[in-house]
Amino acid sequence: MSPHDTNPRDKATIELKGVRKSFGSVDVIHNLDLKVEGGEFVVFVGPSGCGKSTLLRMIAGLEDVSNGDILIAGKDVTDLDPAKRGIAMVFQSYALYPHMSVRENLAFGLEIARTPAAEIARQVDIAAEILKIGPLLDRRPGQLSGGQRQRVAIGRAIVRKPLVFLFDEPLSNLDAELRVSMRVEIARLHRELGNTMIYVTHDQTEAMTLADRIVVLRDGRIEQVGSPRDVYENPANLFVAGFIGSPRMNIIDGVRLAGDRVRIAQSEIALGDPVPAGEGESVKLGIRPEHWIVQDRQDASLPARLEFAEYLGSTRYLHCALASGDIVTVEQRGGRDWQPGETLWLNFDRPKLKFFSASGQRVA
């Protein structure tokens, strides 16, 4: 039990079994299976149009399910009204009543449910304490900042004491500084309440910093499910490798030569380990920007011409052209300044190298 007297009611699981959503003849969610454990913070992430918000709305009951089942806390809710599913949803838009005070906005849903006045006051006070909005209770939404309004919107969800919180891109309307502070607030909220939470975003930074597990979606299908570290360090395919990480993973075309050697951008490199391809076969190599090693002399490494350097204080991102014309991004911490047009010699941390097949699937 939380010190704030919240009750996650045994931390409800969420199960999606063969869930499909169609609009006419077009499938937007394809026979999807997923289990969210009780108390987990799971983030749906993917590019625009991948189906993440549609999937969240199906869990909430705001979209019908074309096929399959949705279970919350072991109960089939596929055909239940949203109000009967034990969920609370926080949207990108705050949807606050402008003519009501913060206190009245928080209390409104409980009043509609005919909750006793003393219990309403207690729940409002609990939510205000959790979200640190006590001094704002007598203000109206027009007197609040964007971050304060989003806190009130979250507070309105808290007072309902739901089984599950659903967040649909709740920070999209905030500026960069507020997004950072609100991420911290939402993480703290999950830690204090312990409820199961599903959070939808296209922002991979939010996904990486908030999630217990990330669900990477593309075209209505799950590409990978895993912890932020696992998805970042062990992407299942080229899509995940390119989507998770900022800057993205560098993907370089190579050809397997004899032994442990591979041709990359007209250079032959000995990797020290077997290459997962037959001799003469093409293979794609993935290397994160931070796993490059910058040298100022040739030492069995790749020559690259610096095109542009981004200086970000303690970190530089060097955008370099290989002999093949491919542009790679190299993270550098410390070291000397480089000028556009200079030649760098690039090596890489070989154990961190990833291999992908021509079809895009991870092979090693």
Protein backbone atom coordinates (compact mmCIF):
# COMPACT_ATOMS: atom_id res chain seq x y z
CA MET A 1 0.00 0.00 0.00
CA SER A 2 1.33 3.40 -0.95
CA PRO A 3 1.89 5.94 1.81
CA HIS A 4 -0.67 8.05 -0.07
CA ASP A 5 -3.37 5.37 0.41
CA THR A 6 -3.56 4.44 -3.26
CA ASN A 7 -4.59 0.91 -4.16
CA PRO A 8 -3.36 -0.76 -7.36
CA ARG A 9 -5.62 -3.70 -6.52
CA ASP A 10 -3.04 -6.46 -6.86
CA LYS A 11 -1.40 -4.71 -9.83
CA ALA A 12 -3.61 -5.76 -12.71
CA THR A 13 -2.17 -7.59 -15.69
CA ILE A 14 -3.21 -6.73 -19.25
CA GLU A 15 -3.37 -9.45 -21.89
CA LEU A 16 -3.94 -9.05 -25.61
CA LYS A 17 -4.74 -12.31 -27.38
CA GLY A 18 -4.85 -12.36 -31.17
CA VAL A 19 -6.06 -8.76 -31.24
CA ARG A 20 -6.83 -7.38 -34.68
CA LYS A 21 -8.27 -4.07 -35.84
CA SER A 22 -9.57 -3.39 -39.33
CA PHE A 23 -11.06 -0.37 -40.98
CA GLY A 24 -12.99 -1.88 -43.86
CA SER A 25 -10.57 -4.10 -45.76
CA VAL A 26 -7.50 -2.47 -44.24
CA ASP A 27 -5.88 -4.15 -41.21
CA VAL A 28 -4.15 -1.67 -38.92
CA ILE A 29 -3.43 -4.10 -36.04
CA HIS A 30 -2.44 -7.62 -37.08
CA ASN A 31 -3.25 -10.54 -34.72
CA LEU A 32 -1.23 -9.08 -31.89
CA ASP A 33 -0.33 -10.96 -28.69
CA LEU A 34 1.09 -9.19 -25.63
CA LYS A 35 1.08 -9.54 -21.86
CA VAL A 36 1.78 -6.60 -19.55
CA GLU A 37 2.62 -7.75 -16.06
CA GLY A 38 0.95 -6.22 -13.04
CA GLY A 39 2.71 -3.04 -11.93
CA GLU A 40 4.77 -2.74 -15.12
CA PHE A 41 5.41 0.49 -16.94
CA VAL A 42 5.24 -0.46 -20.62
CA VAL A 43 5.82 2.02 -23.43
CA PHE A 44 4.45 1.61 -26.96
CA VAL A 45 6.81 3.36 -29.35
CA GLY A 46 7.04 3.59 -33.11
CA PRO A 47 6.73 6.00 -36.03
CA SER A 48 3.53 7.85 -36.90
CA GLY A 49 0.91 5.48 -38.27
CA CYS A 50 2.35 2.34 -36.65
CA GLY A 51 -0.87 1.69 -34.67
CA LYS A 52 0.31 2.51 -31.15
CA SER A 53 -2.51 4.97 -30.31
CA THR A 54 -5.11 2.73 -31.95
CA LEU A 55 -3.91 -0.16 -29.79
CA LEU A 56 -4.11 1.98 -26.64
CA ARG A 57 -7.64 3.09 -27.54
CA MET A 58 -8.64 -0.55 -28.01
CA ILE A 59 -7.41 -1.35 -24.50
CA ALA A 60 -9.35 1.66 -23.21
CA GLY A 61 -12.52 0.62 -25.05
CA LEU A 62 -12.55 3.71 -27.27
CA GLU A 63 -12.04 1.55 -30.40
CA ASP A 64 -13.84 -1.70 -31.14
CA VAL A 65 -11.81 -4.88 -31.51
CA SER A 66 -12.26 -6.59 -34.87
CA ASN A 67 -10.99 -9.90 -33.54
CA GLY A 68 -9.30 -11.29 -30.44
CA ASP A 69 -9.60 -10.70 -26.70
CA ILE A 70 -8.47 -8.09 -24.18
CA LEU A 71 -8.18 -9.08 -20.52
CA ILE A 72 -7.54 -6.74 -17.58
CA ALA A 73 -6.82 -8.35 -14.21
CA GLY A 74 -7.86 -11.68 -15.71
CA LYS A 75 -11.29 -10.39 -16.76
CA ASP A 76 -12.37 -10.30 -20.40
CA VAL A 77 -13.16 -6.65 -21.10
CA THR A 78 -13.25 -6.89 -24.90
CA ASP A 79 -16.89 -5.81 -25.11
CA LEU A 80 -17.12 -3.74 -21.89
CA ASP A 81 -17.78 0.00 -21.88
CA PRO A 82 -14.70 2.10 -21.08
CA ALA A 83 -16.17 3.16 -17.72
CA LYS A 84 -16.34 -0.47 -16.59
CA ARG A 85 -12.76 -1.47 -17.44
CA GLY A 86 -11.03 0.02 -14.39
CA ILE A 87 -8.82 2.27 -16.49
CA ALA A 88 -8.00 5.97 -16.43
CA MET A 89 -6.62 7.71 -19.50
CA VAL A 90 -4.46 10.82 -19.82
CA PHE A 91 -4.45 12.44 -23.25
CA GLN A 92 -2.18 14.82 -25.12
CA SER A 93 -4.84 17.52 -24.68
CA TYR A 94 -5.51 18.39 -21.05
CA ALA A 95 -9.33 18.55 -21.54
CA LEU A 96 -9.85 20.56 -18.35
CA TYR A 97 -13.05 22.52 -17.69
CA PRO A 98 -11.96 26.16 -17.98
CA HIS A 99 -14.75 27.55 -15.78
CA MET A 100 -13.89 25.23 -12.87
CA SER A 101 -11.11 25.50 -10.32
CA VAL A 102 -8.44 22.83 -10.12
CA ARG A 103 -10.21 21.36 -7.10
CA GLU A 104 -13.50 21.22 -9.01
CA ASN A 105 -11.83 19.64 -12.04
CA LEU A 106 -10.33 16.93 -9.85
CA ALA A 107 -13.61 16.29 -8.06
CA PHE A 108 -15.94 16.35 -11.06
CA GLY A 109 -15.73 12.67 -12.01
CA LEU A 110 -16.26 11.57 -8.43
CA GLU A 111 -19.28 13.85 -8.10
CA ILE A 112 -20.83 12.33 -11.23
CA ALA A 113 -20.30 8.90 -9.61
CA ARG A 114 -22.15 10.19 -6.51
CA THR A 115 -19.13 9.68 -4.26
CA PRO A 116 -19.70 11.08 -0.73
CA ALA A 117 -18.35 14.60 -0.28
CA ALA A 118 -15.92 13.62 2.48
CA GLU A 119 -14.38 10.90 0.28
CA ILE A 120 -14.12 13.32 -2.65
CA ALA A 121 -12.26 15.81 -0.49
CA ARG A 122 -9.94 13.07 0.76
CA GLN A 123 -9.12 11.77 -2.72
CA VAL A 124 -8.54 15.28 -4.06
CA ASP A 125 -6.15 16.00 -1.20
CA ILE A 126 -4.27 12.73 -1.84
CA ALA A 127 -3.88 13.52 -5.55
CA ALA A 128 -2.80 17.09 -4.79
CA GLU A 129 -0.15 15.83 -2.37
CA ILE A 130 1.21 13.24 -4.84
CA LEU A 131 1.44 15.78 -7.66
CA LYS A 132 2.53 18.75 -5.53
CA ILE A 133 -0.37 20.91 -6.74
CA GLY A 134 -1.89 21.80 -3.36
CA PRO A 135 -1.23 25.56 -3.79
CA LEU A 136 -3.01 25.46 -7.17
CA LEU A 137 -6.34 23.99 -6.05
CA ASP A 138 -8.24 27.28 -6.11
CA ARG A 139 -6.88 28.44 -9.49
CA ARG A 140 -8.54 27.94 -12.84
CA PRO A 141 -6.81 26.19 -15.78
CA GLY A 142 -6.21 29.51 -17.55
CA GLN A 143 -3.98 30.56 -14.65
CA LEU A 144 -1.75 27.48 -14.95
CA SER A 145 1.32 26.64 -17.04
CA GLY A 146 1.25 23.71 -19.46
CA GLY A 147 3.08 21.47 -17.01
CA GLN A 148 0.69 22.39 -14.20
CA ARG A 149 -2.32 21.65 -16.42
CA GLN A 150 -0.92 18.23 -17.26
CA ARG A 151 -0.44 17.53 -13.56
CA VAL A 152 -4.10 18.35 -13.01
CA ALA A 153 -5.10 16.04 -15.87
CA ILE A 154 -3.08 13.26 -14.26
CA GLY A 155 -4.59 14.09 -10.88
CA ARG A 156 -8.06 13.68 -12.34
CA ALA A 157 -7.04 10.14 -13.29
CA ILE A 158 -5.51 9.41 -9.87
CA VAL A 159 -8.68 10.23 -7.92
CA ARG A 160 -10.54 7.49 -9.77
CA LYS A 161 -8.18 4.87 -8.25
CA PRO A 162 -8.03 2.87 -11.48
CA LEU A 163 -6.58 -0.56 -12.10
CA VAL A 164 -4.56 0.74 -15.06
CA PHE A 165 -3.28 4.13 -16.26
CA LEU A 166 -3.13 4.73 -20.01
CA PHE A 167 -1.10 7.69 -21.32
CA ASP A 168 -1.50 8.82 -24.93
CA GLU A 169 1.46 11.12 -25.77
CA PRO A 170 0.78 13.25 -22.67
CA LEU A 171 3.87 15.46 -23.02
CA SER A 172 3.63 16.36 -26.71
CA ASN A 173 2.27 19.86 -26.03
CA LEU A 174 5.05 20.81 -23.61
CA ASP A 175 8.34 22.52 -24.38
CA ALA A 176 11.63 20.60 -24.09
CA GLU A 177 12.45 21.68 -20.53
CA LEU A 178 8.98 20.84 -19.23
CA ARG A 179 9.03 17.47 -20.97
CA VAL A 180 12.14 16.52 -19.01
CA SER A 181 10.66 17.55 -15.66
CA MET A 182 7.34 15.85 -16.41
CA ARG A 183 9.13 12.61 -17.33
CA VAL A 184 10.66 12.68 -13.86
CA GLU A 185 7.23 13.34 -12.34
CA ILE A 186 5.60 10.45 -14.21
CA ALA A 187 8.41 8.06 -13.21
CA ARG A 188 7.98 9.11 -9.59
CA LEU A 189 4.22 8.69 -9.88
CA HIS A 190 4.63 5.11 -11.07
CA ARG A 191 7.05 4.36 -8.26
CA GLU A 192 4.66 5.73 -5.63
CA LEU A 193 1.38 4.32 -6.97
CA GLY A 194 2.59 0.97 -8.29
CA ASN A 195 -0.22 0.71 -10.84
CA THR A 196 0.15 -0.94 -14.23
CA MET A 197 0.81 1.79 -16.78
CA ILE A 198 0.91 1.84 -20.58
CA TYR A 199 2.39 4.92 -22.23
CA VAL A 200 2.27 5.76 -25.94
CA THR A 201 4.89 8.01 -27.51
CA HIS A 202 6.83 8.53 -30.73
CA ASP A 203 9.67 9.99 -28.65
CA GLN A 204 12.25 7.30 -28.04
CA THR A 205 13.86 9.34 -25.24
CA GLU A 206 10.62 9.09 -23.28
CA ALA A 207 10.49 5.37 -24.03
CA MET A 208 14.09 4.73 -22.97
CA THR A 209 13.88 6.74 -19.75
CA LEU A 210 10.43 5.68 -18.50
CA ALA A 211 9.84 2.07 -19.53
CA ASP A 212 10.31 -1.18 -17.69
CA ARG A 213 9.73 -2.71 -21.12
CA ILE A 214 9.43 -1.18 -24.56
CA VAL A 215 7.10 -2.48 -27.28
CA VAL A 216 8.42 -1.36 -30.68
CA LEU A 217 5.63 -1.24 -33.26
CA ARG A 218 5.66 -0.93 -37.04
CA ASP A 219 2.66 -1.17 -39.37
CA GLY A 220 0.45 -2.68 -36.67
CA ARG A 221 2.91 -5.43 -35.74
CA ILE A 222 5.29 -5.87 -32.83
CA GLU A 223 8.91 -5.76 -33.96
CA GLN A 224 10.48 -6.30 -30.53
CA VAL A 225 9.60 -6.32 -26.83
CA GLY A 226 12.28 -5.88 -24.19
CA SER A 227 13.89 -3.68 -21.58
CA PRO A 228 15.32 -0.37 -22.82
CA ARG A 229 18.84 -1.77 -22.48
CA ASP A 230 18.00 -4.97 -24.35
CA VAL A 231 16.23 -3.18 -27.20
CA TYR A 232 19.11 -0.70 -27.53
CA GLU A 233 21.98 -3.16 -27.25
CA ASN A 234 20.38 -6.15 -28.97
CA PRO A 235 17.98 -4.91 -31.67
CA ALA A 236 16.07 -7.74 -33.33
CA ASN A 237 16.25 -6.26 -36.82
CA LEU A 238 17.32 -3.25 -38.86
CA PHE A 239 14.10 -1.36 -38.15
CA VAL A 240 14.61 -1.49 -34.38
CA ALA A 241 18.33 -0.73 -34.78
CA GLY A 242 17.52 2.36 -36.80
CA PHE A 243 14.58 3.56 -34.72
CA ILE A 244 15.93 3.14 -31.18
CA GLY A 245 18.92 5.33 -30.45
CA SER A 246 19.72 8.96 -31.13
CA PRO A 247 21.77 9.24 -33.24
CA ARG A 248 20.69 5.97 -34.82
CA MET A 249 22.88 2.91 -35.26
CA ASN A 250 25.20 3.09 -38.26
CA ILE A 251 24.46 0.35 -40.81
CA ILE A 252 27.28 -0.48 -43.22
CA ASP A 253 27.26 -2.90 -46.14
CA GLY A 254 30.01 -5.51 -46.07
CA VAL A 255 31.13 -8.64 -47.90
CA ARG A 256 32.48 -11.70 -46.12
CA LEU A 257 36.00 -12.60 -47.22
CA ALA A 258 38.11 -15.58 -46.22
CA GLY A 259 38.52 -16.32 -42.52
CA ASP A 260 37.52 -13.51 -40.19
CA ARG A 261 37.92 -10.80 -42.79
CA VAL A 262 35.25 -8.55 -44.24
CA ARG A 263 35.34 -5.86 -46.92
CA ILE A 264 33.82 -2.58 -45.76
CA ALA A 265 33.87 0.54 -47.96
CA GLN A 266 36.79 -0.74 -50.09
CA SER A 267 38.85 -1.69 -47.03
CA GLU A 268 39.59 -5.17 -45.69
CA ILE A 269 39.14 -5.50 -41.94
CA ALA A 270 40.01 -8.47 -39.74
CA LEU A 271 37.30 -8.82 -37.11
CA GLY A 272 38.96 -11.47 -34.95
CA ASP A 273 35.74 -13.49 -34.83
CA PRO A 274 33.80 -15.51 -37.41
CA VAL A 275 31.55 -13.55 -39.73
CA PRO A 276 27.97 -14.97 -39.82
CA ALA A 277 27.84 -15.30 -43.62
CA GLY A 278 29.28 -17.52 -46.30
CA GLU A 279 32.42 -16.44 -48.13
CA GLY A 280 31.50 -13.86 -50.76
CA GLU A 281 28.06 -13.19 -49.22
CA SER A 282 26.80 -9.74 -48.37
CA VAL A 283 26.19 -8.82 -44.76
CA LYS A 284 25.10 -5.65 -43.00
CA LEU A 285 27.11 -4.49 -40.01
CA GLY A 286 25.65 -2.30 -37.27
CA ILE A 287 27.73 -0.08 -35.02
CA ARG A 288 26.48 2.48 -32.51
CA PRO A 289 28.07 5.96 -32.69
CA GLU A 290 29.68 5.52 -29.26
CA HIS A 291 31.40 2.28 -30.30
CA TRP A 292 33.64 3.88 -32.93
CA ILE A 293 37.29 4.50 -32.07
CA VAL A 294 38.81 7.61 -33.68
CA GLN A 295 42.45 7.42 -34.71
CA ASP A 296 44.63 9.97 -36.49
CA ARG A 297 46.72 7.36 -38.32
CA GLN A 298 46.07 4.25 -40.39
CA ASP A 299 46.05 1.12 -38.25
CA ALA A 300 44.00 -1.60 -39.97
CA SER A 301 41.04 0.77 -39.90
CA LEU A 302 38.64 2.65 -42.17
CA PRO A 303 39.54 6.02 -43.71
CA ALA A 304 36.75 8.59 -43.44
CA ARG A 305 36.46 12.24 -44.43
CA LEU A 306 34.85 14.54 -41.90
CA GLU A 307 31.83 16.29 -43.40
CA PHE A 308 30.41 18.04 -40.35
CA ALA A 309 31.01 18.10 -36.59
CA GLU A 310 28.30 18.79 -34.02
CA TYR A 311 29.78 20.23 -30.85
CA LEU A 312 27.58 19.51 -27.82
CA GLY A 313 29.88 20.36 -24.96
CA SER A 314 31.30 17.14 -23.53
CA THR A 315 30.25 15.22 -26.66
CA ARG A 316 30.87 15.70 -30.38
CA TYR A 317 29.07 13.93 -33.18
CA LEU A 318 31.33 13.57 -36.21
CA HIS A 319 29.50 12.95 -39.48
CA CYS A 320 31.99 11.21 -41.74
CA ALA A 321 31.96 9.90 -45.31
CA LEU A 322 33.48 6.49 -45.96
CA ALA A 323 35.15 5.63 -49.27
CA SER A 324 31.86 4.04 -50.36
CA GLY A 325 30.09 7.39 -49.92
CA ASP A 326 28.12 6.13 -46.88
CA ILE A 327 27.81 8.66 -44.06
CA VAL A 328 28.44 7.38 -40.54
CA THR A 329 28.00 9.16 -37.23
CA VAL A 330 30.82 8.90 -34.70
CA GLU A 331 30.49 9.94 -31.05
CA GLN A 332 33.63 11.48 -29.60
CA ARG A 333 34.22 12.46 -25.98
CA GLY A 334 37.31 14.56 -25.50
CA GLY A 335 40.15 14.40 -27.98
CA ARG A 336 41.23 17.07 -30.41
CA ASP A 337 39.02 19.16 -32.66
CA TRP A 338 38.66 18.02 -36.24
CA GLN A 339 38.03 20.22 -39.24
CA PRO A 340 35.75 19.43 -42.20
CA GLY A 341 37.71 17.75 -44.97
CA GLU A 342 40.22 16.08 -42.64
CA THR A 343 40.75 12.33 -42.85
CA LEU A 344 40.02 10.28 -39.76
CA TRP A 345 40.87 6.62 -39.32
CA LEU A 346 37.98 4.75 -37.75
CA ASN A 347 38.10 1.50 -35.85
CA PHE A 348 35.37 0.01 -33.71
CA ASP A 349 34.78 -1.97 -30.55
CA ARG A 350 34.51 -5.38 -32.21
CA PRO A 351 32.45 -7.15 -29.49
CA LYS A 352 29.79 -4.43 -29.94
CA LEU A 353 29.45 -5.04 -33.69
CA LYS A 354 26.03 -6.38 -34.81
CA PHE A 355 25.32 -8.37 -37.95
CA PHE A 356 22.10 -8.35 -39.97
CA SER A 357 21.03 -10.45 -42.93
CA ALA A 358 20.06 -8.98 -46.29
CA SER A 359 16.40 -9.34 -45.18
CA GLY A 360 17.11 -7.11 -42.16
CA GLN A 361 16.97 -9.73 -39.39
CA ARG A 362 19.68 -9.80 -36.72
CA VAL A 363 21.97 -12.82 -37.15
CA ALA A 364 24.67 -12.10 -34.57
